[in-house]
N, C-alpha and C. Protein backbone atom coordinates (compact mmCIF):
# COMPACT_ATOMS: atom_id res chain seq x y z
N UNK A 1 41.33 128.41 140.39
CA UNK A 1 42.66 128.90 140.61
C UNK A 1 43.48 128.60 139.36
N UNK A 2 44.20 129.56 138.91
CA UNK A 2 44.96 129.39 137.67
C UNK A 2 46.34 128.80 137.98
N UNK A 3 46.87 128.08 136.97
CA UNK A 3 48.19 127.48 137.15
C UNK A 3 49.24 128.57 137.14
N UNK A 4 50.16 128.44 138.06
CA UNK A 4 51.21 129.44 138.11
C UNK A 4 52.31 129.07 137.12
N UNK A 5 52.83 130.08 136.46
CA UNK A 5 53.91 129.88 135.49
C UNK A 5 55.24 130.14 136.19
N UNK A 6 56.26 129.33 135.80
CA UNK A 6 57.59 129.62 136.38
C UNK A 6 58.05 131.01 135.96
N UNK A 7 58.98 131.55 136.70
CA UNK A 7 59.47 132.90 136.43
C UNK A 7 60.17 133.00 135.08
N UNK A 8 60.70 131.89 134.58
CA UNK A 8 61.44 131.94 133.31
C UNK A 8 60.52 132.06 132.11
N UNK A 9 59.24 131.88 132.25
CA UNK A 9 58.32 131.98 131.14
C UNK A 9 58.05 130.66 130.45
N UNK A 10 58.69 129.57 130.89
CA UNK A 10 58.47 128.26 130.28
C UNK A 10 57.18 127.66 130.80
N UNK A 11 56.50 126.85 129.97
CA UNK A 11 55.27 126.23 130.46
C UNK A 11 55.56 125.23 131.56
N UNK A 12 54.60 125.04 132.41
CA UNK A 12 54.74 124.12 133.52
C UNK A 12 54.75 122.68 133.01
N UNK A 13 55.55 121.83 133.61
CA UNK A 13 55.63 120.43 133.19
C UNK A 13 54.33 119.72 133.53
N UNK A 14 53.87 118.91 132.57
CA UNK A 14 52.64 118.16 132.78
C UNK A 14 53.01 116.82 133.37
N UNK A 15 52.44 116.50 134.48
CA UNK A 15 52.76 115.25 135.17
C UNK A 15 52.07 114.08 134.49
N UNK A 16 52.75 112.95 134.45
CA UNK A 16 52.14 111.73 133.91
C UNK A 16 51.45 111.01 135.06
N UNK A 17 50.28 110.53 134.73
CA UNK A 17 49.55 109.79 135.75
C UNK A 17 49.89 108.31 135.64
N UNK A 18 50.23 107.65 136.73
CA UNK A 18 50.57 106.22 136.65
C UNK A 18 49.34 105.38 136.32
N UNK A 19 49.61 104.32 135.53
CA UNK A 19 48.53 103.38 135.24
C UNK A 19 48.40 102.44 136.42
N UNK A 20 47.22 101.96 136.69
CA UNK A 20 47.04 101.10 137.86
C UNK A 20 47.78 99.78 137.76
N UNK A 21 47.96 99.23 136.52
CA UNK A 21 48.62 97.93 136.38
C UNK A 21 50.12 98.06 136.10
N UNK A 22 50.68 99.22 136.27
CA UNK A 22 52.06 99.48 135.90
C UNK A 22 52.95 99.54 137.14
N UNK A 23 54.16 98.95 136.99
CA UNK A 23 55.12 99.03 138.09
C UNK A 23 55.75 100.42 138.10
N UNK A 24 56.15 100.88 139.24
CA UNK A 24 56.76 102.20 139.35
C UNK A 24 58.17 102.15 138.78
N UNK A 25 58.46 103.08 137.85
CA UNK A 25 59.79 103.13 137.24
C UNK A 25 60.30 104.57 137.23
N UNK A 26 60.40 105.17 138.32
CA UNK A 26 60.89 106.53 138.43
C UNK A 26 60.14 107.51 137.53
N UNK A 27 58.89 107.26 137.31
CA UNK A 27 58.09 108.17 136.51
C UNK A 27 58.21 107.96 135.01
N UNK A 28 59.00 106.98 134.57
CA UNK A 28 59.14 106.71 133.15
C UNK A 28 58.28 105.51 132.82
N UNK A 29 57.31 105.71 131.94
CA UNK A 29 56.41 104.63 131.59
C UNK A 29 56.79 103.97 130.28
N UNK A 30 56.45 102.71 130.09
CA UNK A 30 56.74 101.98 128.86
C UNK A 30 55.47 101.32 128.38
N UNK A 31 55.14 101.59 127.13
CA UNK A 31 53.98 100.94 126.54
C UNK A 31 54.43 99.57 126.06
N UNK A 32 53.71 98.56 126.36
CA UNK A 32 54.07 97.20 125.98
C UNK A 32 52.96 96.62 125.12
N UNK A 33 52.84 97.21 123.90
CA UNK A 33 51.81 96.75 122.99
C UNK A 33 52.27 95.48 122.29
N UNK A 34 51.33 94.68 121.93
CA UNK A 34 51.66 93.45 121.22
C UNK A 34 52.04 93.77 119.77
N UNK A 35 52.94 92.96 119.20
CA UNK A 35 53.33 93.12 117.80
C UNK A 35 52.13 92.73 116.95
N UNK A 36 51.82 93.52 115.90
CA UNK A 36 50.65 93.21 115.07
C UNK A 36 50.80 91.85 114.38
N UNK A 37 49.69 91.18 114.19
CA UNK A 37 49.67 89.86 113.57
C UNK A 37 50.25 89.90 112.16
N UNK A 38 49.90 90.93 111.38
CA UNK A 38 50.40 91.02 110.01
C UNK A 38 51.93 91.08 109.97
N UNK A 39 52.55 91.73 110.96
CA UNK A 39 54.00 91.82 111.01
C UNK A 39 54.62 90.46 111.27
N UNK A 40 54.08 89.73 112.25
CA UNK A 40 54.59 88.39 112.56
C UNK A 40 54.41 87.44 111.37
N UNK A 41 53.25 87.51 110.70
CA UNK A 41 53.02 86.64 109.54
C UNK A 41 53.98 86.98 108.39
N UNK A 42 54.24 88.26 108.18
CA UNK A 42 55.20 88.67 107.13
C UNK A 42 56.59 88.15 107.45
N UNK A 43 56.98 88.24 108.69
CA UNK A 43 58.30 87.75 109.10
C UNK A 43 58.42 86.24 108.87
N UNK A 44 57.41 85.48 109.27
CA UNK A 44 57.42 84.03 109.06
C UNK A 44 57.40 83.69 107.56
N UNK A 45 56.67 84.48 106.76
CA UNK A 45 56.62 84.22 105.32
C UNK A 45 57.99 84.40 104.67
N UNK A 46 58.77 85.38 105.11
CA UNK A 46 60.11 85.57 104.54
C UNK A 46 61.02 84.39 104.89
N UNK A 47 60.87 83.85 106.07
CA UNK A 47 61.67 82.68 106.46
C UNK A 47 61.29 81.47 105.61
N UNK A 48 59.99 81.23 105.44
CA UNK A 48 59.55 80.09 104.62
C UNK A 48 60.01 80.27 103.18
N UNK A 49 59.89 81.48 102.66
CA UNK A 49 60.34 81.76 101.29
C UNK A 49 61.83 81.47 101.15
N UNK A 50 62.65 81.92 102.10
CA UNK A 50 64.10 81.72 102.03
C UNK A 50 64.47 80.25 102.08
N UNK A 51 63.72 79.45 102.87
CA UNK A 51 64.02 78.01 102.98
C UNK A 51 63.91 77.33 101.61
N UNK A 52 62.97 77.76 100.80
CA UNK A 52 62.81 77.15 99.48
C UNK A 52 63.62 77.86 98.39
N UNK A 53 63.72 79.18 98.47
CA UNK A 53 64.35 79.96 97.40
C UNK A 53 65.86 79.77 97.36
N UNK A 54 66.53 79.83 98.49
CA UNK A 54 68.00 79.76 98.49
C UNK A 54 68.51 78.45 97.88
N UNK A 55 68.01 77.28 98.27
CA UNK A 55 68.49 76.06 97.61
C UNK A 55 68.12 76.02 96.12
N UNK A 56 66.93 76.49 95.77
CA UNK A 56 66.53 76.50 94.36
C UNK A 56 67.46 77.38 93.55
N UNK A 57 67.75 78.55 94.06
CA UNK A 57 68.58 79.51 93.33
C UNK A 57 70.02 79.01 93.18
N UNK A 58 70.59 78.46 94.22
CA UNK A 58 72.00 78.06 94.18
C UNK A 58 72.22 76.65 93.64
N UNK A 59 71.28 75.75 93.85
CA UNK A 59 71.48 74.37 93.44
C UNK A 59 70.78 74.04 92.12
N UNK A 60 69.54 74.42 92.00
CA UNK A 60 68.78 74.07 90.81
C UNK A 60 69.19 74.92 89.60
N UNK A 61 69.33 76.23 89.78
CA UNK A 61 69.67 77.10 88.66
C UNK A 61 71.15 76.99 88.29
N UNK A 62 71.98 76.62 89.20
CA UNK A 62 73.40 76.45 88.92
C UNK A 62 74.17 77.76 88.78
N UNK A 63 73.58 78.86 89.17
CA UNK A 63 74.26 80.15 89.07
C UNK A 63 75.29 80.30 90.18
N UNK A 64 76.43 80.92 89.82
CA UNK A 64 77.40 81.30 90.84
C UNK A 64 78.14 82.54 90.34
N UNK A 65 78.62 83.32 91.26
CA UNK A 65 79.35 84.54 90.90
C UNK A 65 80.62 84.19 90.14
N UNK A 66 81.29 83.11 90.53
CA UNK A 66 82.53 82.71 89.85
C UNK A 66 82.25 82.32 88.40
N UNK A 67 81.18 81.58 88.17
CA UNK A 67 80.85 81.19 86.79
C UNK A 67 80.48 82.40 85.96
N UNK A 68 79.75 83.33 86.53
CA UNK A 68 79.39 84.53 85.78
C UNK A 68 80.64 85.35 85.47
N UNK A 69 81.56 85.45 86.40
CA UNK A 69 82.81 86.17 86.18
C UNK A 69 83.60 85.54 85.03
N UNK A 70 83.74 84.22 85.06
CA UNK A 70 84.47 83.52 84.00
C UNK A 70 83.83 83.75 82.64
N UNK A 71 82.51 83.73 82.58
CA UNK A 71 81.82 83.96 81.31
C UNK A 71 82.07 85.38 80.80
N UNK A 72 82.04 86.35 81.69
CA UNK A 72 82.28 87.73 81.28
C UNK A 72 83.73 87.95 80.85
N UNK A 73 84.67 87.31 81.53
CA UNK A 73 86.07 87.42 81.14
C UNK A 73 86.28 86.79 79.75
N UNK A 74 85.67 85.64 79.52
CA UNK A 74 85.81 84.98 78.21
C UNK A 74 85.22 85.86 77.11
N UNK A 75 84.08 86.48 77.36
CA UNK A 75 83.47 87.37 76.37
C UNK A 75 84.35 88.59 76.10
N UNK A 76 84.95 89.13 77.15
CA UNK A 76 85.83 90.29 76.98
C UNK A 76 87.09 89.91 76.20
N UNK A 77 87.61 88.71 76.44
CA UNK A 77 88.80 88.26 75.68
C UNK A 77 88.47 88.09 74.20
N UNK A 78 87.30 87.54 73.92
CA UNK A 78 86.89 87.39 72.52
C UNK A 78 86.76 88.75 71.85
N UNK A 79 86.13 89.69 72.54
CA UNK A 79 85.97 91.03 71.99
C UNK A 79 87.32 91.70 71.80
N UNK A 80 88.21 91.54 72.77
CA UNK A 80 89.56 92.12 72.66
C UNK A 80 90.34 91.53 71.50
N UNK A 81 90.20 90.22 71.31
CA UNK A 81 90.89 89.58 70.18
C UNK A 81 90.35 90.10 68.85
N UNK A 82 89.04 90.31 68.78
CA UNK A 82 88.46 90.83 67.55
C UNK A 82 88.94 92.26 67.27
N UNK A 83 89.03 93.07 68.31
CA UNK A 83 89.51 94.45 68.14
C UNK A 83 90.99 94.44 67.75
N UNK A 84 91.78 93.59 68.41
CA UNK A 84 93.21 93.52 68.08
C UNK A 84 93.43 93.03 66.66
N UNK A 85 92.59 92.11 66.19
CA UNK A 85 92.72 91.62 64.83
C UNK A 85 92.40 92.70 63.81
N UNK A 86 91.58 93.67 64.19
CA UNK A 86 91.21 94.74 63.27
C UNK A 86 92.31 95.78 63.11
N UNK A 87 93.27 95.82 64.03
CA UNK A 87 94.37 96.79 63.94
C UNK A 87 95.47 96.20 63.06
N UNK A 88 95.86 96.92 62.00
CA UNK A 88 96.89 96.37 61.09
C UNK A 88 98.26 96.30 61.77
N UNK A 89 99.10 95.38 61.29
CA UNK A 89 100.46 95.25 61.80
C UNK A 89 101.42 96.24 61.15
N UNK A 90 101.07 96.69 59.96
CA UNK A 90 101.91 97.64 59.22
C UNK A 90 101.18 98.97 59.12
N UNK A 91 101.91 100.06 59.09
CA UNK A 91 101.33 101.39 59.02
C UNK A 91 100.65 101.59 57.66
N UNK A 92 99.34 101.75 57.64
CA UNK A 92 98.64 101.93 56.36
C UNK A 92 98.88 103.30 55.73
N UNK A 93 99.45 104.25 56.46
CA UNK A 93 99.67 105.60 55.94
C UNK A 93 101.12 105.87 55.56
N UNK A 94 101.98 104.88 55.63
CA UNK A 94 103.40 105.09 55.28
C UNK A 94 103.49 105.54 53.82
N UNK A 95 104.16 106.68 53.60
CA UNK A 95 104.35 107.21 52.25
C UNK A 95 103.20 108.07 51.75
N UNK A 96 102.12 108.17 52.46
CA UNK A 96 100.97 108.99 52.06
C UNK A 96 101.26 110.43 52.50
N UNK A 97 101.46 111.33 51.53
CA UNK A 97 101.88 112.71 51.83
C UNK A 97 100.85 113.45 52.67
N UNK A 98 99.57 113.27 52.39
CA UNK A 98 98.53 113.96 53.17
C UNK A 98 98.52 113.45 54.61
N UNK A 99 98.69 112.14 54.79
CA UNK A 99 98.71 111.56 56.13
C UNK A 99 99.96 112.01 56.89
N UNK A 100 101.10 112.09 56.20
CA UNK A 100 102.33 112.55 56.85
C UNK A 100 102.17 114.00 57.29
N UNK A 101 101.53 114.84 56.47
CA UNK A 101 101.30 116.24 56.84
C UNK A 101 100.38 116.34 58.06
N UNK A 102 99.32 115.52 58.08
CA UNK A 102 98.42 115.51 59.24
C UNK A 102 99.16 115.00 60.47
N UNK A 103 100.01 113.99 60.29
CA UNK A 103 100.80 113.46 61.39
C UNK A 103 101.78 114.48 61.92
N UNK A 104 102.38 115.27 61.02
CA UNK A 104 103.31 116.31 61.45
C UNK A 104 102.60 117.34 62.33
N UNK A 105 101.40 117.74 61.91
CA UNK A 105 100.65 118.70 62.70
C UNK A 105 100.33 118.15 64.09
N UNK A 106 99.89 116.88 64.16
CA UNK A 106 99.60 116.25 65.46
C UNK A 106 100.88 116.13 66.29
N UNK A 107 101.98 115.76 65.64
CA UNK A 107 103.25 115.61 66.36
C UNK A 107 103.68 116.93 66.97
N UNK A 108 103.60 118.00 66.17
CA UNK A 108 104.03 119.31 66.69
C UNK A 108 103.11 119.81 67.79
N UNK A 109 101.83 119.44 67.73
CA UNK A 109 100.87 119.89 68.74
C UNK A 109 100.99 119.09 70.03
N UNK A 110 101.15 117.78 69.92
CA UNK A 110 101.09 116.92 71.10
C UNK A 110 102.46 116.37 71.50
N UNK A 111 103.18 115.81 70.56
CA UNK A 111 104.37 115.01 70.89
C UNK A 111 105.63 115.84 71.10
N UNK A 112 105.74 116.98 70.39
CA UNK A 112 106.97 117.76 70.45
C UNK A 112 107.28 118.29 71.84
N UNK A 113 106.29 118.42 72.69
CA UNK A 113 106.54 118.92 74.05
C UNK A 113 107.49 118.01 74.81
N UNK A 114 107.43 116.71 74.55
CA UNK A 114 108.31 115.77 75.26
C UNK A 114 109.44 115.24 74.37
N UNK A 115 109.21 115.13 73.08
CA UNK A 115 110.19 114.51 72.18
C UNK A 115 110.92 115.53 71.30
N UNK A 116 110.67 116.82 71.49
CA UNK A 116 111.22 117.93 70.70
C UNK A 116 110.71 117.87 69.26
N UNK A 117 110.64 118.99 68.57
CA UNK A 117 110.12 119.01 67.20
C UNK A 117 110.93 118.15 66.23
N UNK A 118 112.23 118.00 66.49
CA UNK A 118 113.05 117.17 65.59
C UNK A 118 113.10 115.70 66.02
N UNK A 119 112.41 115.35 67.12
CA UNK A 119 112.33 113.97 67.57
C UNK A 119 113.53 113.47 68.34
N UNK A 120 114.47 114.35 68.68
CA UNK A 120 115.68 113.90 69.37
C UNK A 120 115.48 113.67 70.87
N UNK A 121 114.34 114.04 71.38
CA UNK A 121 114.03 113.73 72.78
C UNK A 121 114.42 114.83 73.73
N UNK A 122 113.60 114.99 74.75
CA UNK A 122 113.87 115.95 75.80
C UNK A 122 113.45 115.29 77.10
N UNK A 123 112.17 115.36 77.44
CA UNK A 123 111.65 114.61 78.58
C UNK A 123 111.40 113.17 78.14
N UNK A 124 110.83 113.02 76.96
CA UNK A 124 110.62 111.70 76.37
C UNK A 124 111.85 111.27 75.60
N UNK A 125 111.94 109.99 75.27
CA UNK A 125 113.14 109.49 74.59
C UNK A 125 113.23 109.96 73.14
N UNK A 126 114.43 109.82 72.60
CA UNK A 126 114.68 110.14 71.19
C UNK A 126 113.89 109.18 70.30
N UNK A 127 113.33 109.72 69.22
CA UNK A 127 112.59 108.91 68.26
C UNK A 127 113.39 108.70 66.98
N UNK A 128 114.65 109.20 66.94
CA UNK A 128 115.45 109.09 65.72
C UNK A 128 116.69 108.22 65.88
N UNK A 129 116.95 107.72 67.09
CA UNK A 129 118.10 106.84 67.27
C UNK A 129 117.67 105.39 67.05
N UNK A 130 118.63 104.47 66.99
CA UNK A 130 118.25 103.08 66.71
C UNK A 130 117.67 102.32 67.91
N UNK A 131 117.67 102.94 69.10
CA UNK A 131 117.21 102.25 70.30
C UNK A 131 115.73 102.53 70.55
N UNK A 132 114.93 101.47 70.64
CA UNK A 132 113.51 101.59 70.97
C UNK A 132 113.24 100.63 72.12
N UNK A 133 112.98 101.16 73.28
CA UNK A 133 112.84 100.37 74.50
C UNK A 133 111.73 99.32 74.40
N UNK A 134 110.62 99.66 73.79
CA UNK A 134 109.48 98.75 73.73
C UNK A 134 109.27 98.15 72.35
N UNK A 135 110.24 98.26 71.48
CA UNK A 135 110.15 97.66 70.16
C UNK A 135 109.95 98.70 69.07
N UNK A 136 110.55 98.42 67.89
CA UNK A 136 110.53 99.39 66.79
C UNK A 136 109.57 99.01 65.67
N UNK A 137 108.90 97.87 65.78
CA UNK A 137 107.96 97.50 64.71
C UNK A 137 106.76 98.44 64.74
N UNK A 138 106.06 98.51 63.62
CA UNK A 138 104.88 99.38 63.56
C UNK A 138 103.87 99.02 64.65
N UNK A 139 103.61 97.74 64.83
CA UNK A 139 102.62 97.30 65.82
C UNK A 139 103.08 97.66 67.24
N UNK A 140 104.35 97.51 67.55
CA UNK A 140 104.86 97.83 68.89
C UNK A 140 104.83 99.34 69.14
N UNK A 141 105.17 100.13 68.14
CA UNK A 141 105.11 101.58 68.30
C UNK A 141 103.66 102.05 68.43
N UNK A 142 102.76 101.43 67.66
CA UNK A 142 101.34 101.76 67.79
C UNK A 142 100.86 101.48 69.21
N UNK A 143 101.23 100.34 69.75
CA UNK A 143 100.86 99.96 71.13
C UNK A 143 101.39 100.99 72.13
N UNK A 144 102.62 101.45 71.94
CA UNK A 144 103.22 102.43 72.84
C UNK A 144 102.43 103.74 72.83
N UNK A 145 102.10 104.24 71.63
CA UNK A 145 101.39 105.51 71.54
C UNK A 145 99.94 105.34 72.01
N UNK A 146 99.29 104.25 71.62
CA UNK A 146 97.87 104.06 71.93
C UNK A 146 97.65 103.88 73.43
N UNK A 147 98.42 103.02 74.06
CA UNK A 147 98.17 102.65 75.46
C UNK A 147 99.16 103.22 76.46
N UNK A 148 100.18 103.93 75.98
CA UNK A 148 101.15 104.52 76.87
C UNK A 148 102.11 103.49 77.44
N UNK A 149 103.10 103.97 78.18
CA UNK A 149 104.09 103.11 78.83
C UNK A 149 104.40 103.66 80.21
N UNK A 150 104.83 102.78 81.13
CA UNK A 150 105.17 103.26 82.47
C UNK A 150 106.34 104.24 82.42
N UNK A 151 106.33 105.18 83.29
CA UNK A 151 107.46 106.10 83.39
C UNK A 151 107.26 107.38 82.60
N UNK A 152 106.05 107.69 82.18
CA UNK A 152 105.84 109.00 81.59
C UNK A 152 105.08 109.07 80.29
N UNK A 153 105.00 107.98 79.51
CA UNK A 153 104.29 108.05 78.23
C UNK A 153 102.80 107.82 78.47
N UNK A 154 101.99 108.89 78.29
CA UNK A 154 100.55 108.70 78.50
C UNK A 154 99.90 108.04 77.29
N UNK A 155 98.73 107.45 77.47
CA UNK A 155 98.01 106.87 76.32
C UNK A 155 97.35 107.97 75.50
N UNK A 156 97.42 107.84 74.17
CA UNK A 156 96.86 108.85 73.28
C UNK A 156 95.74 108.33 72.39
N UNK A 157 95.32 107.10 72.58
CA UNK A 157 94.31 106.52 71.69
C UNK A 157 93.00 107.28 71.74
N UNK A 158 92.58 107.71 72.91
CA UNK A 158 91.30 108.42 73.03
C UNK A 158 91.34 109.76 72.30
N UNK A 159 92.48 110.45 72.31
CA UNK A 159 92.58 111.75 71.66
C UNK A 159 92.84 111.63 70.16
N UNK A 160 93.70 110.70 69.76
CA UNK A 160 94.11 110.61 68.36
C UNK A 160 93.30 109.61 67.55
N UNK A 161 92.86 108.55 68.17
CA UNK A 161 92.20 107.47 67.42
C UNK A 161 93.25 106.66 66.65
N UNK A 162 92.83 105.55 66.07
CA UNK A 162 93.78 104.67 65.36
C UNK A 162 94.43 105.38 64.18
N UNK A 163 93.62 106.06 63.35
CA UNK A 163 94.18 106.73 62.16
C UNK A 163 95.14 107.83 62.57
N UNK A 164 94.80 108.60 63.60
CA UNK A 164 95.69 109.67 64.05
C UNK A 164 97.04 109.13 64.52
N UNK A 165 97.01 108.01 65.23
CA UNK A 165 98.27 107.40 65.69
C UNK A 165 99.11 106.95 64.51
N UNK A 166 98.47 106.28 63.54
CA UNK A 166 99.21 105.82 62.36
C UNK A 166 99.78 107.01 61.58
N UNK A 167 99.07 108.13 61.51
CA UNK A 167 99.57 109.32 60.81
C UNK A 167 100.79 109.90 61.53
N UNK A 168 100.73 109.97 62.85
CA UNK A 168 101.88 110.46 63.62
C UNK A 168 103.08 109.54 63.40
N UNK A 169 102.87 108.24 63.41
CA UNK A 169 103.98 107.30 63.20
C UNK A 169 104.52 107.40 61.77
N UNK A 170 103.65 107.69 60.79
CA UNK A 170 104.11 107.90 59.42
C UNK A 170 105.01 109.13 59.36
N UNK A 171 104.66 110.17 60.11
CA UNK A 171 105.51 111.36 60.16
C UNK A 171 106.83 111.05 60.86
N UNK A 172 106.80 110.34 61.96
CA UNK A 172 108.03 109.99 62.69
C UNK A 172 108.98 109.22 61.78
N UNK A 173 108.43 108.38 60.90
CA UNK A 173 109.28 107.63 59.97
C UNK A 173 110.02 108.54 59.00
N UNK A 174 109.53 109.79 58.79
CA UNK A 174 110.19 110.71 57.86
C UNK A 174 111.28 111.54 58.53
N UNK A 175 111.39 111.50 59.86
CA UNK A 175 112.42 112.28 60.55
C UNK A 175 113.80 111.73 60.23
N UNK A 176 114.81 112.61 60.11
CA UNK A 176 116.17 112.13 59.83
C UNK A 176 116.68 111.24 60.97
N UNK A 177 117.28 110.13 60.61
CA UNK A 177 117.77 109.14 61.59
C UNK A 177 119.18 109.48 62.04
N UNK A 178 119.52 108.99 63.23
CA UNK A 178 120.85 109.16 63.80
C UNK A 178 121.31 107.82 64.35
N UNK A 179 122.61 107.55 64.21
CA UNK A 179 123.17 106.32 64.77
C UNK A 179 123.64 106.51 66.21
N UNK A 180 123.66 107.75 66.67
CA UNK A 180 124.09 108.05 68.04
C UNK A 180 122.97 107.74 69.02
N UNK A 181 123.29 107.17 70.18
CA UNK A 181 122.25 106.96 71.18
C UNK A 181 121.66 108.30 71.64
N UNK A 182 120.36 108.38 71.67
CA UNK A 182 119.68 109.61 72.09
C UNK A 182 119.15 109.51 73.49
N UNK A 183 118.37 110.49 73.86
CA UNK A 183 117.77 110.55 75.20
C UNK A 183 116.98 109.25 75.42
N UNK A 184 117.24 108.60 76.55
CA UNK A 184 116.53 107.37 76.91
C UNK A 184 117.25 106.11 76.49
N UNK A 185 118.28 106.21 75.65
CA UNK A 185 118.98 105.01 75.19
C UNK A 185 120.06 104.62 76.20
N UNK A 186 120.35 103.30 76.31
CA UNK A 186 121.45 102.89 77.19
C UNK A 186 122.77 103.49 76.68
N UNK A 187 123.55 103.98 77.59
CA UNK A 187 124.83 104.56 77.23
C UNK A 187 124.75 106.01 76.80
N UNK A 188 123.59 106.60 76.87
CA UNK A 188 123.45 108.01 76.48
C UNK A 188 124.08 108.89 77.55
N UNK A 189 124.89 109.84 77.11
CA UNK A 189 125.48 110.82 78.02
C UNK A 189 124.98 112.19 77.59
N UNK A 190 124.36 112.88 78.50
CA UNK A 190 123.84 114.23 78.18
C UNK A 190 125.00 115.15 77.86
N UNK A 191 124.80 116.09 76.96
CA UNK A 191 125.87 117.04 76.63
C UNK A 191 126.35 117.79 77.87
N UNK A 192 127.65 117.94 77.99
CA UNK A 192 128.22 118.63 79.14
C UNK A 192 128.56 117.70 80.30
N UNK A 193 128.25 116.40 80.19
CA UNK A 193 128.55 115.47 81.29
C UNK A 193 129.81 114.72 81.01
């Protein structure tokens, strides 16, 4: 006699036969095989290894995350000091006509959008008045251009490089000066106010 198929076309469910030593569990059987010996031995080996390794690693070797952090910070400070020492305090391109021309081109391409072509300031502060918020020395102005300042001045060191920044500052030094407070200076009043 052939097995009858349900009307839906699905195959007939195959019944599970109960094992003689198994308790009845609503037709759901559970295999209860023993854990392999190799697995238990591997587990015990990791515990034995940890008992010896953790004290050796932390006590005998003397390593700690805090000590490694301090060493890396000290190395970074030394490297930073060496890089800072390599940057001159005075503009090496001051008075160099070719450098001033290159600086003018960079200024008109990058800086004039915020500081206007004549340096009197628009979105960015005036570069021709006597007021310099972050300092007027060559080193302070280099720091401002290279690393940027809060409130809108982006860093330009990656795009210009050290020589490009010094050339732009050499050009800025050639702009006509004004004694009137400009954009960004304390006491500045915009025209029409």
